[in-house]
Amino acid sequence: MRRTFLKRVGEMIRNEEDTVFYTVDMGMWALREELKDFPERCKNIGIFEDGMLSMVAGMSKRGIVATIFGIQPYLIDRTLEQIKMDFAYQKLGVNIVGTGAAVDYSKYGYSHYCPEDVQLVKMIPGCEFVAPGSAKQFLQLFNAAYRDGKPTFYRISDHPSSVYDPDVCFGQAKVMKEGKKATVIAVSVMLDMVMSVCADQDVTVLYYTTLEPFDYETLSKHCPSKKILVVEPEYEGSLLYDIHHGMGSVPLQIDTVGFPHEIFRNYGTYQEKMEYYRLTENSIRTKLDDLIR
């Protein structure tokens, strides 16, 4: 995903004169030619995320389409006030692309983790949040939203789906399969595991890559059982408000597979983290069996 994103940015800088790209010590080698050829529109700001957002807000005010790149916790946790006041309050657009989703930077510890990103961004009205499951999907979502004039967050992962890679549309969930006993919501890079578990199950699978705005309509039309399992690569429960809101006053039975609400103090590889926190096929299968029993 990262290479695809940086290639797309290079194309923007070379072909779209109203675009700028700012980064905080990320991706300079891939864009070394653009940094050299377009120094006024392609800059490495250094470790200065909060200031970078305020600078870019001024450019957005003048009609410039800005894209910034960095590590997810520093682009969201560190800059939350700038997101709120400089962009959401003033209704300004920016494309914020963050790498290191959830625990992708597993060896660097808690300072580089960001399982809270979805919840934080969704708390600020007017922001958009996109979580593609593959490089192809990133391009589809980015091309659809990068000029929409809103603060849009793109969560790119170093662990994309490798088996299932459907076309996606910004703001719409994808119906992967239909069944009667439950509805399973697969978010972003969790699709491969969900489809593996659900292949022989009489369940509906909905694939979400746009988490804000949330597609209420597709969920309400494809939840005959009123039983829902959410499989998400962020803090569990990040989408519960949207699910309840979209289903109205209908009584629901909901379970989740996601990261627990706690500080991550253990170390290990990405896969070890996923297994430790039970974001696995076995966990999905167990919770789905309990749900439809």
C-alpha atoms as a PDB file:
ATOM      1  CA  MET A   1       0.000   0.000   0.000  1.00  0.00           C
ATOM      2  CA  ARG A   2       2.765   2.410   0.896  1.00  0.00           C
ATOM      3  CA  ARG A   3       4.511   2.096  -2.471  1.00  0.00           C
ATOM      4  CA  THR A   4       1.225   2.526  -4.308  1.00  0.00           C
ATOM      5  CA  PHE A   5       0.390   5.631  -2.304  1.00  0.00           C
ATOM      6  CA  LEU A   6       3.794   7.229  -2.858  1.00  0.00           C
ATOM      7  CA  LYS A   7       3.633   6.519  -6.598  1.00  0.00           C
ATOM      8  CA  ARG A   8       0.217   8.190  -6.720  1.00  0.00           C
ATOM      9  CA  VAL A   9       1.545  11.225  -4.852  1.00  0.00           C
ATOM     10  CA  GLY A  10       4.412  11.527  -7.318  1.00  0.00           C
ATOM     11  CA  GLU A  11       1.905  11.572 -10.168  1.00  0.00           C
ATOM     12  CA  MET A  12      -0.145  14.252  -8.423  1.00  0.00           C
ATOM     13  CA  ILE A  13       2.816  16.528  -7.836  1.00  0.00           C
ATOM     14  CA  ARG A  14       3.958  16.229 -11.451  1.00  0.00           C
ATOM     15  CA  ASN A  15       0.551  16.570 -13.098  1.00  0.00           C
ATOM     16  CA  GLU A  16      -1.710  18.590 -10.784  1.00  0.00           C
ATOM     17  CA  GLU A  17      -0.362  22.065 -10.058  1.00  0.00           C
ATOM     18  CA  ASP A  18      -2.796  22.761  -7.226  1.00  0.00           C
ATOM     19  CA  THR A  19      -1.478  19.852  -5.100  1.00  0.00           C
ATOM     20  CA  VAL A  20       1.175  19.754  -2.384  1.00  0.00           C
ATOM     21  CA  PHE A  21       2.761  16.923  -0.422  1.00  0.00           C
ATOM     22  CA  TYR A  22       4.238  17.251   3.060  1.00  0.00           C
ATOM     23  CA  THR A  23       5.894  14.450   5.001  1.00  0.00           C
ATOM     24  CA  VAL A  24       7.543  13.961   8.373  1.00  0.00           C
ATOM     25  CA  ASP A  25      10.680  11.986   7.496  1.00  0.00           C
ATOM     26  CA  MET A  26       8.656   9.299   5.680  1.00  0.00           C
ATOM     27  CA  GLY A  27       8.879   8.241   2.026  1.00  0.00           C
ATOM     28  CA  MET A  28      11.678  10.623   1.008  1.00  0.00           C
ATOM     29  CA  TRP A  29      13.597   8.008  -0.981  1.00  0.00           C
ATOM     30  CA  ALA A  30      10.569   7.050  -3.063  1.00  0.00           C
ATOM     31  CA  LEU A  31       9.869  10.718  -3.824  1.00  0.00           C
ATOM     32  CA  ARG A  32      13.439  11.945  -4.059  1.00  0.00           C
ATOM     33  CA  GLU A  33      12.970  13.219  -7.625  1.00  0.00           C
ATOM     34  CA  GLU A  34       9.797  15.105  -6.747  1.00  0.00           C
ATOM     35  CA  LEU A  35      11.451  16.611  -3.682  1.00  0.00           C
ATOM     36  CA  LYS A  36      14.238  17.865  -5.937  1.00  0.00           C
ATOM     37  CA  ASP A  37      12.140  18.973  -8.911  1.00  0.00           C
ATOM     38  CA  PHE A  38       9.218  20.549  -7.032  1.00  0.00           C
ATOM     39  CA  PRO A  39      10.677  21.979  -3.795  1.00  0.00           C
ATOM     40  CA  GLU A  40       7.804  24.450  -3.380  1.00  0.00           C
ATOM     41  CA  ARG A  41       5.144  21.742  -3.454  1.00  0.00           C
ATOM     42  CA  CYS A  42       6.885  18.637  -2.110  1.00  0.00           C
ATOM     43  CA  LYS A  43       8.590  19.016   1.285  1.00  0.00           C
ATOM     44  CA  ASN A  44       9.959  17.000   4.177  1.00  0.00           C
ATOM     45  CA  ILE A  45       8.983  19.002   7.262  1.00  0.00           C
ATOM     46  CA  GLY A  46      10.749  16.800   9.813  1.00  0.00           C
ATOM     47  CA  ILE A  47       9.263  15.690  13.123  1.00  0.00           C
ATOM     48  CA  PHE A  48       6.672  18.453  13.377  1.00  0.00           C
ATOM     49  CA  GLU A  49       3.249  16.908  12.834  1.00  0.00           C
ATOM     50  CA  ASP A  50       1.115  19.437  14.720  1.00  0.00           C
ATOM     51  CA  GLY A  51       2.792  22.403  13.052  1.00  0.00           C
ATOM     52  CA  MET A  52       2.581  20.696   9.677  1.00  0.00           C
ATOM     53  CA  LEU A  53      -1.190  20.379   9.934  1.00  0.00           C
ATOM     54  CA  SER A  54      -1.590  24.057  10.765  1.00  0.00           C
ATOM     55  CA  MET A  55       0.632  25.025   7.829  1.00  0.00           C
ATOM     56  CA  VAL A  56      -1.352  22.818   5.478  1.00  0.00           C
ATOM     57  CA  ALA A  57      -4.629  24.280   6.768  1.00  0.00           C
ATOM     58  CA  GLY A  58      -3.503  27.662   5.476  1.00  0.00           C
ATOM     59  CA  MET A  59      -2.838  26.141   2.070  1.00  0.00           C
ATOM     60  CA  SER A  60      -6.221  24.448   2.058  1.00  0.00           C
ATOM     61  CA  LYS A  61      -7.819  27.806   2.838  1.00  0.00           C
ATOM     62  CA  ARG A  62      -6.344  29.042  -0.432  1.00  0.00           C
ATOM     63  CA  GLY A  63      -7.775  26.132  -2.418  1.00  0.00           C
ATOM     64  CA  ILE A  64      -4.685  23.930  -2.511  1.00  0.00           C
ATOM     65  CA  VAL A  65      -5.205  20.157  -2.322  1.00  0.00           C
ATOM     66  CA  ALA A  66      -2.800  18.911   0.330  1.00  0.00           C
ATOM     67  CA  THR A  67      -1.681  15.383   1.191  1.00  0.00           C
ATOM     68  CA  ILE A  68       0.450  14.618   4.233  1.00  0.00           C
ATOM     69  CA  PHE A  69       2.164  11.403   5.279  1.00  0.00           C
ATOM     70  CA  GLY A  70       3.453  10.048   8.566  1.00  0.00           C
ATOM     71  CA  ILE A  71       3.058   7.466  11.296  1.00  0.00           C
ATOM     72  CA  GLN A  72      -0.533   7.022  12.440  1.00  0.00           C
ATOM     73  CA  PRO A  73      -0.270   7.820  16.189  1.00  0.00           C
ATOM     74  CA  TYR A  74       1.693  11.002  15.526  1.00  0.00           C
ATOM     75  CA  LEU A  75      -0.692  12.125  12.787  1.00  0.00           C
ATOM     76  CA  ILE A  76      -3.757  11.634  14.997  1.00  0.00           C
ATOM     77  CA  ASP A  77      -2.900  11.504  18.709  1.00  0.00           C
ATOM     78  CA  ARG A  78      -0.356  14.316  18.542  1.00  0.00           C
ATOM     79  CA  THR A  79      -2.384  16.560  16.251  1.00  0.00           C
ATOM     80  CA  LEU A  80      -5.924  16.080  17.520  1.00  0.00           C
ATOM     81  CA  GLU A  81      -6.392  19.761  18.372  1.00  0.00           C
ATOM     82  CA  GLN A  82      -5.214  20.823  14.919  1.00  0.00           C
ATOM     83  CA  ILE A  83      -7.581  18.327  13.288  1.00  0.00           C
ATOM     84  CA  LYS A  84     -10.443  19.658  15.358  1.00  0.00           C
ATOM     85  CA  MET A  85      -9.795  23.405  15.080  1.00  0.00           C
ATOM     86  CA  ASP A  86      -7.786  23.917  11.890  1.00  0.00           C
ATOM     87  CA  PHE A  87      -9.743  21.549   9.661  1.00  0.00           C
ATOM     88  CA  ALA A  88     -13.069  20.313  11.053  1.00  0.00           C
ATOM     89  CA  TYR A  89     -14.130  23.651  12.566  1.00  0.00           C
ATOM     90  CA  GLN A  90     -13.138  25.628   9.477  1.00  0.00           C
ATOM     91  CA  LYS A  91     -14.486  23.004   7.033  1.00  0.00           C
ATOM     92  CA  LEU A  92     -11.159  22.614   5.246  1.00  0.00           C
ATOM     93  CA  GLY A  93      -9.939  19.613   3.317  1.00  0.00           C
ATOM     94  CA  VAL A  94      -6.749  17.591   3.664  1.00  0.00           C
ATOM     95  CA  ASN A  95      -5.638  14.044   2.911  1.00  0.00           C
ATOM     96  CA  ILE A  96      -3.888  12.493   5.909  1.00  0.00           C
ATOM     97  CA  VAL A  97      -2.234   9.186   5.075  1.00  0.00           C
ATOM     98  CA  GLY A  98      -0.934   7.225   8.039  1.00  0.00           C
ATOM     99  CA  THR A  99       1.217   4.118   8.104  1.00  0.00           C
ATOM    100  CA  GLY A 100       1.671   1.889  11.128  1.00  0.00           C
ATOM    101  CA  ALA A 101      -1.974   0.940  11.510  1.00  0.00           C
ATOM    102  CA  ALA A 102      -2.821  -0.455  14.957  1.00  0.00           C
ATOM    103  CA  VAL A 103       0.208  -2.655  15.737  1.00  0.00           C
ATOM    104  CA  ASP A 104       1.957  -2.747  12.337  1.00  0.00           C
ATOM    105  CA  TYR A 105       5.077  -1.258  13.941  1.00  0.00           C
ATOM    106  CA  SER A 106       5.060  -4.099  16.444  1.00  0.00           C
ATOM    107  CA  LYS A 107       8.748  -3.949  17.409  1.00  0.00           C
ATOM    108  CA  TYR A 108       8.700  -0.236  18.329  1.00  0.00           C
ATOM    109  CA  GLY A 109       6.305  -0.498  21.251  1.00  0.00           C
ATOM    110  CA  TYR A 110       3.266   1.415  22.456  1.00  0.00           C
ATOM    111  CA  SER A 111       4.411   4.840  21.217  1.00  0.00           C
ATOM    112  CA  HIS A 112       4.007   3.562  17.645  1.00  0.00           C
ATOM    113  CA  TYR A 113       0.641   1.812  18.100  1.00  0.00           C
ATOM    114  CA  CYS A 114      -2.676   3.396  17.203  1.00  0.00           C
ATOM    115  CA  PRO A 115      -5.678   1.083  17.646  1.00  0.00           C
ATOM    116  CA  GLU A 116      -7.649   4.133  18.835  1.00  0.00           C
ATOM    117  CA  ASP A 117      -7.447   5.997  15.505  1.00  0.00           C
ATOM    118  CA  VAL A 118     -10.943   5.147  14.271  1.00  0.00           C
ATOM    119  CA  GLN A 119     -12.623   6.178  17.513  1.00  0.00           C
ATOM    120  CA  LEU A 120     -10.718   9.458  17.757  1.00  0.00           C
ATOM    121  CA  VAL A 121     -11.398  10.554  14.197  1.00  0.00           C
ATOM    122  CA  LYS A 122     -15.061   9.538  14.312  1.00  0.00           C
ATOM    123  CA  MET A 123     -15.545  11.745  17.396  1.00  0.00           C
ATOM    124  CA  ILE A 124     -14.847  14.855  15.293  1.00  0.00           C
ATOM    125  CA  PRO A 125     -17.800  15.731  13.034  1.00  0.00           C
ATOM    126  CA  GLY A 126     -16.981  16.317   9.395  1.00  0.00           C
ATOM    127  CA  CYS A 127     -13.961  14.013   9.196  1.00  0.00           C
ATOM    128  CA  GLU A 128     -13.749  10.959   6.964  1.00  0.00           C
ATOM    129  CA  PHE A 129     -11.917   7.706   7.677  1.00  0.00           C
ATOM    130  CA  VAL A 130     -10.839   5.177   5.070  1.00  0.00           C
ATOM    131  CA  ALA A 131      -9.215   1.795   5.780  1.00  0.00           C
ATOM    132  CA  PRO A 132      -8.428  -0.060   2.537  1.00  0.00           C
ATOM    133  CA  GLY A 133      -7.532  -3.722   2.650  1.00  0.00           C
ATOM    134  CA  SER A 134      -5.186  -3.640  -0.342  1.00  0.00           C
ATOM    135  CA  ALA A 135      -3.159  -1.326  -2.558  1.00  0.00           C
ATOM    136  CA  LYS A 136      -5.787  -1.490  -5.297  1.00  0.00           C
ATOM    137  CA  GLN A 137      -8.493  -0.468  -2.856  1.00  0.00           C
ATOM    138  CA  PHE A 138      -6.383   2.403  -1.587  1.00  0.00           C
ATOM    139  CA  LEU A 139      -6.228   3.840  -5.101  1.00  0.00           C
ATOM    140  CA  GLN A 140      -9.964   3.416  -5.626  1.00  0.00           C
ATOM    141  CA  LEU A 141     -10.800   5.156  -2.353  1.00  0.00           C
ATOM    142  CA  PHE A 142      -8.144   7.857  -2.594  1.00  0.00           C
ATOM    143  CA  ASN A 143      -9.073   8.803  -6.154  1.00  0.00           C
ATOM    144  CA  ALA A 144     -12.715   9.080  -5.132  1.00  0.00           C
ATOM    145  CA  ALA A 145     -12.157  11.305  -2.085  1.00  0.00           C
ATOM    146  CA  TYR A 146      -8.903  13.269  -2.316  1.00  0.00           C
ATOM    147  CA  ARG A 147     -10.600  16.351  -3.767  1.00  0.00           C
ATOM    148  CA  ASP A 148     -13.820  16.299  -1.757  1.00  0.00           C
ATOM    149  CA  GLY A 149     -12.790  19.224   0.479  1.00  0.00           C
ATOM    150  CA  LYS A 150     -12.963  17.300   3.759  1.00  0.00           C
ATOM    151  CA  PRO A 151     -10.326  16.084   6.235  1.00  0.00           C
ATOM    152  CA  THR A 152      -9.928  12.487   5.109  1.00  0.00           C
ATOM    153  CA  PHE A 153      -7.796   9.932   6.923  1.00  0.00           C
ATOM    154  CA  TYR A 154      -6.349   6.947   5.093  1.00  0.00           C
ATOM    155  CA  ARG A 155      -5.114   4.070   7.232  1.00  0.00           C
ATOM    156  CA  ILE A 156      -2.651   2.055   5.159  1.00  0.00           C
ATOM    157  CA  SER A 157      -1.277  -1.239   6.424  1.00  0.00           C
ATOM    158  CA  ASP A 158       1.865  -3.264   5.828  1.00  0.00           C
ATOM    159  CA  HIS A 159      -0.257  -6.418   6.153  1.00  0.00           C
ATOM    160  CA  PRO A 160      -2.882  -6.180   3.391  1.00  0.00           C
ATOM    161  CA  SER A 161      -5.337  -8.858   2.332  1.00  0.00           C
ATOM    162  CA  SER A 162      -3.745 -11.274  -0.106  1.00  0.00           C
ATOM    163  CA  VAL A 163      -6.609 -13.569  -1.134  1.00  0.00           C
ATOM    164  CA  TYR A 164      -9.728 -11.408  -1.372  1.00  0.00           C
ATOM    165  CA  ASP A 165      -9.359  -8.072  -3.145  1.00  0.00           C
ATOM    166  CA  PRO A 166     -12.774  -6.850  -4.334  1.00  0.00           C
ATOM    167  CA  ASP A 167     -13.383  -3.491  -5.961  1.00  0.00           C
ATOM    168  CA  VAL A 168     -14.691  -0.966  -3.446  1.00  0.00           C
ATOM    169  CA  CYS A 169     -16.463   2.386  -3.585  1.00  0.00           C
ATOM    170  CA  PHE A 170     -15.979   5.278  -1.198  1.00  0.00           C
ATOM    171  CA  GLY A 171     -18.805   5.449   1.336  1.00  0.00           C
ATOM    172  CA  GLN A 172     -20.234   2.038   0.471  1.00  0.00           C
ATOM    173  CA  ALA A 173     -19.945  -1.377   2.051  1.00  0.00           C
ATOM    174  CA  LYS A 174     -19.385  -4.373  -0.215  1.00  0.00           C
ATOM    175  CA  VAL A 175     -21.686  -7.397   0.048  1.00  0.00           C
ATOM    176  CA  MET A 176     -19.295 -10.359  -0.145  1.00  0.00           C
ATOM    177  CA  LYS A 177     -21.862 -13.119   0.474  1.00  0.00           C
ATOM    178  CA  GLU A 178     -25.421 -13.438   1.746  1.00  0.00           C
ATOM    179  CA  GLY A 179     -26.887 -15.738   4.369  1.00  0.00           C
ATOM    180  CA  LYS A 180     -29.587 -15.883   7.015  1.00  0.00           C
ATOM    181  CA  LYS A 181     -28.095 -16.784  10.391  1.00  0.00           C
ATOM    182  CA  ALA A 182     -25.898 -13.729  11.083  1.00  0.00           C
ATOM    183  CA  THR A 183     -24.217 -10.727   9.500  1.00  0.00           C
ATOM    184  CA  VAL A 184     -20.444 -10.505   9.790  1.00  0.00           C
ATOM    185  CA  ILE A 185     -18.839  -7.092   9.260  1.00  0.00           C
ATOM    186  CA  ALA A 186     -15.264  -7.445   8.027  1.00  0.00           C
ATOM    187  CA  VAL A 187     -13.198  -4.277   8.294  1.00  0.00           C
ATOM    188  CA  SER A 188     -10.184  -3.578   6.095  1.00  0.00           C
ATOM    189  CA  VAL A 189      -7.372  -6.150   6.360  1.00  0.00           C
ATOM    190  CA  MET A 190      -9.553  -8.614   8.285  1.00  0.00           C
ATOM    191  CA  LEU A 191     -11.390  -9.716   5.139  1.00  0.00           C
ATOM    192  CA  ASP A 192      -9.252 -12.760   4.329  1.00  0.00           C
ATOM    193  CA  MET A 193      -9.768 -14.283   7.765  1.00  0.00           C
ATOM    194  CA  VAL A 194     -13.481 -13.532   7.781  1.00  0.00           C
ATOM    195  CA  MET A 195     -14.061 -15.063   4.359  1.00  0.00           C
ATOM    196  CA  SER A 196     -12.064 -18.156   5.292  1.00  0.00           C
ATOM    197  CA  VAL A 197     -14.204 -18.698   8.383  1.00  0.00           C
ATOM    198  CA  CYS A 198     -17.512 -17.863   6.704  1.00  0.00           C
ATOM    199  CA  ALA A 199     -17.004 -19.783   3.459  1.00  0.00           C
ATOM    200  CA  ASP A 200     -19.240 -22.674   4.543  1.00  0.00           C
ATOM    201  CA  GLN A 201     -21.517 -20.713   6.890  1.00  0.00           C
ATOM    202  CA  ASP A 202     -25.055 -19.493   6.194  1.00  0.00           C
ATOM    203  CA  VAL A 203     -24.165 -15.888   6.980  1.00  0.00           C
ATOM    204  CA  THR A 204     -23.940 -12.525   5.272  1.00  0.00           C
ATOM    205  CA  VAL A 205     -20.508 -10.881   5.023  1.00  0.00           C
ATOM    206  CA  LEU A 206     -20.299  -7.109   4.587  1.00  0.00           C
ATOM    207  CA  TYR A 207     -16.918  -5.578   3.827  1.00  0.00           C
ATOM    208  CA  TYR A 208     -16.285  -2.055   5.120  1.00  0.00           C
ATOM    209  CA  THR A 209     -13.394   0.107   3.948  1.00  0.00           C
ATOM    210  CA  THR A 210     -15.033   3.492   4.536  1.00  0.00           C
ATOM    211  CA  LEU A 211     -15.614   3.768   8.273  1.00  0.00           C
ATOM    212  CA  GLU A 212     -16.719   7.406   8.217  1.00  0.00           C
ATOM    213  CA  PRO A 213     -19.146   8.161   6.687  1.00  0.00           C
ATOM    214  CA  PHE A 214     -20.601   4.799   7.648  1.00  0.00           C
ATOM    215  CA  ASP A 215     -22.865   2.999   5.176  1.00  0.00           C
ATOM    216  CA  TYR A 216     -26.016   2.496   7.240  1.00  0.00           C
ATOM    217  CA  GLU A 217     -28.225   1.494   4.316  1.00  0.00           C
ATOM    218  CA  THR A 218     -26.309  -1.606   3.264  1.00  0.00           C
ATOM    219  CA  LEU A 219     -26.221  -2.887   6.840  1.00  0.00           C
ATOM    220  CA  SER A 220     -29.927  -2.357   7.429  1.00  0.00           C
ATOM    221  CA  LYS A 221     -30.784  -4.171   4.192  1.00  0.00           C
ATOM    222  CA  HIS A 222     -28.531  -7.157   4.869  1.00  0.00           C
ATOM    223  CA  CYS A 223     -29.119  -8.077   8.489  1.00  0.00           C
ATOM    224  CA  PRO A 224     -32.101 -10.446   8.525  1.00  0.00           C
ATOM    225  CA  SER A 225     -31.097 -12.229  11.728  1.00  0.00           C
ATOM    226  CA  LYS A 226     -30.326  -9.097  13.787  1.00  0.00           C
ATOM    227  CA  LYS A 227     -27.182 -10.948  14.892  1.00  0.00           C
ATOM    228  CA  ILE A 228     -23.949  -9.129  14.074  1.00  0.00           C
ATOM    229  CA  LEU A 229     -20.285 -10.016  14.474  1.00  0.00           C
ATOM    230  CA  VAL A 230     -17.842  -7.156  13.894  1.00  0.00           C
ATOM    231  CA  VAL A 231     -14.259  -8.114  12.994  1.00  0.00           C
ATOM    232  CA  GLU A 232     -12.110  -4.981  13.097  1.00  0.00           C
ATOM    233  CA  PRO A 233      -8.333  -4.268  13.208  1.00  0.00           C
ATOM    234  CA  GLU A 234      -8.749  -1.477  15.777  1.00  0.00           C
ATOM    235  CA  TYR A 235     -10.136  -1.174  19.283  1.00  0.00           C
ATOM    236  CA  GLU A 236     -13.202  -3.404  19.527  1.00  0.00           C
ATOM    237  CA  GLY A 237     -16.439  -1.468  19.572  1.00  0.00           C
ATOM    238  CA  SER A 238     -15.220   1.337  17.320  1.00  0.00           C
ATOM    239  CA  LEU A 239     -18.262   0.908  15.054  1.00  0.00           C
ATOM    240  CA  LEU A 240     -20.938   0.051  17.635  1.00  0.00           C
ATOM    241  CA  TYR A 241     -22.579   3.492  17.611  1.00  0.00           C
ATOM    242  CA  ASP A 242     -22.927   3.355  13.838  1.00  0.00           C
ATOM    243  CA  ILE A 243     -24.364  -0.148  13.935  1.00  0.00           C
ATOM    244  CA  HIS A 244     -26.985   0.724  16.548  1.00  0.00           C
ATOM    245  CA  HIS A 245     -27.793   3.997  14.799  1.00  0.00           C
ATOM    246  CA  GLY A 246     -28.144   2.286  11.434  1.00  0.00           C
ATOM    247  CA  MET A 247     -30.409  -0.458  12.761  1.00  0.00           C
ATOM    248  CA  GLY A 248     -32.663   1.923  14.657  1.00  0.00           C
ATOM    249  CA  SER A 249     -34.640   0.563  17.587  1.00  0.00           C
ATOM    250  CA  VAL A 250     -34.361  -3.071  16.491  1.00  0.00           C
ATOM    251  CA  PRO A 251     -33.058  -5.359  19.275  1.00  0.00           C
ATOM    252  CA  LEU A 252     -29.640  -6.666  18.279  1.00  0.00           C
ATOM    253  CA  GLN A 253     -27.225  -9.350  19.401  1.00  0.00           C
ATOM    254  CA  ILE A 254     -23.679  -8.107  18.724  1.00  0.00           C
ATOM    255  CA  ASP A 255     -20.219  -9.500  19.397  1.00  0.00           C
ATOM    256  CA  THR A 256     -16.797  -8.238  18.305  1.00  0.00           C
ATOM    257  CA  VAL A 257     -13.331  -9.442  17.392  1.00  0.00           C
ATOM    258  CA  GLY A 258     -10.858  -6.580  17.792  1.00  0.00           C
ATOM    259  CA  PHE A 259      -8.137  -5.200  19.984  1.00  0.00           C
ATOM    260  CA  PRO A 260      -9.127  -4.940  23.666  1.00  0.00           C
ATOM    261  CA  HIS A 261      -9.343  -1.529  25.315  1.00  0.00           C
ATOM    262  CA  GLU A 262      -6.022  -1.612  27.127  1.00  0.00           C
ATOM    263  CA  ILE A 263      -2.486  -0.285  26.882  1.00  0.00           C
ATOM    264  CA  PHE A 264      -0.281  -2.709  24.969  1.00  0.00           C
ATOM    265  CA  ARG A 265       2.802  -3.381  27.075  1.00  0.00           C
ATOM    266  CA  ASN A 266       3.961  -6.632  25.500  1.00  0.00           C
ATOM    267  CA  TYR A 267       6.420  -7.007  22.621  1.00  0.00           C
ATOM    268  CA  GLY A 268       6.646  -9.319  19.648  1.00  0.00           C
ATOM    269  CA  THR A 269       6.031  -9.582  15.926  1.00  0.00           C
ATOM    270  CA  TYR A 270       2.872  -8.438  14.202  1.00  0.00           C
ATOM    271  CA  GLN A 271       1.596 -12.002  13.987  1.00  0.00           C
ATOM    272  CA  GLU A 272       2.399 -12.629  17.651  1.00  0.00           C
ATOM    273  CA  LYS A 273       0.426  -9.515  18.539  1.00  0.00           C
ATOM    274  CA  MET A 274      -2.552 -10.656  16.493  1.00  0.00           C
ATOM    275  CA  GLU A 275      -2.506 -14.050  18.173  1.00  0.00           C
ATOM    276  CA  TYR A 276      -1.984 -12.612  21.668  1.00  0.00           C
ATOM    277  CA  TYR A 277      -4.978 -10.311  21.286  1.00  0.00           C
ATOM    278  CA  ARG A 278      -7.008 -13.031  19.545  1.00  0.00           C
ATOM    279  CA  LEU A 279      -7.521 -11.420  16.163  1.00  0.00           C
ATOM    280  CA  THR A 280      -7.411 -14.863  14.579  1.00  0.00           C
ATOM    281  CA  GLU A 281      -9.560 -17.209  12.545  1.00  0.00           C
ATOM    282  CA  ASN A 282     -10.139 -19.368  15.622  1.00  0.00           C
ATOM    283  CA  SER A 283     -11.520 -16.407  17.566  1.00  0.00           C
ATOM    284  CA  ILE A 284     -13.773 -15.399  14.686  1.00  0.00           C
ATOM    285  CA  ARG A 285     -15.049 -18.959  14.323  1.00  0.00           C
ATOM    286  CA  THR A 286     -15.697 -19.374  18.048  1.00  0.00           C
ATOM    287  CA  LYS A 287     -17.609 -16.115  18.370  1.00  0.00           C
ATOM    288  CA  LEU A 288     -19.606 -16.752  15.227  1.00  0.00           C
ATOM    289  CA  ASP A 289     -20.558 -20.240  16.402  1.00  0.00           C
ATOM    290  CA  ASP A 290     -21.690 -18.815  19.750  1.00  0.00           C
ATOM    291  CA  LEU A 291     -23.683 -16.121  17.959  1.00  0.00           C
ATOM    292  CA  ILE A 292     -25.625 -18.422  15.640  1.00  0.00           C
ATOM    293  CA  ARG A 293     -25.986 -21.352  18.027  1.00  0.00           C
END
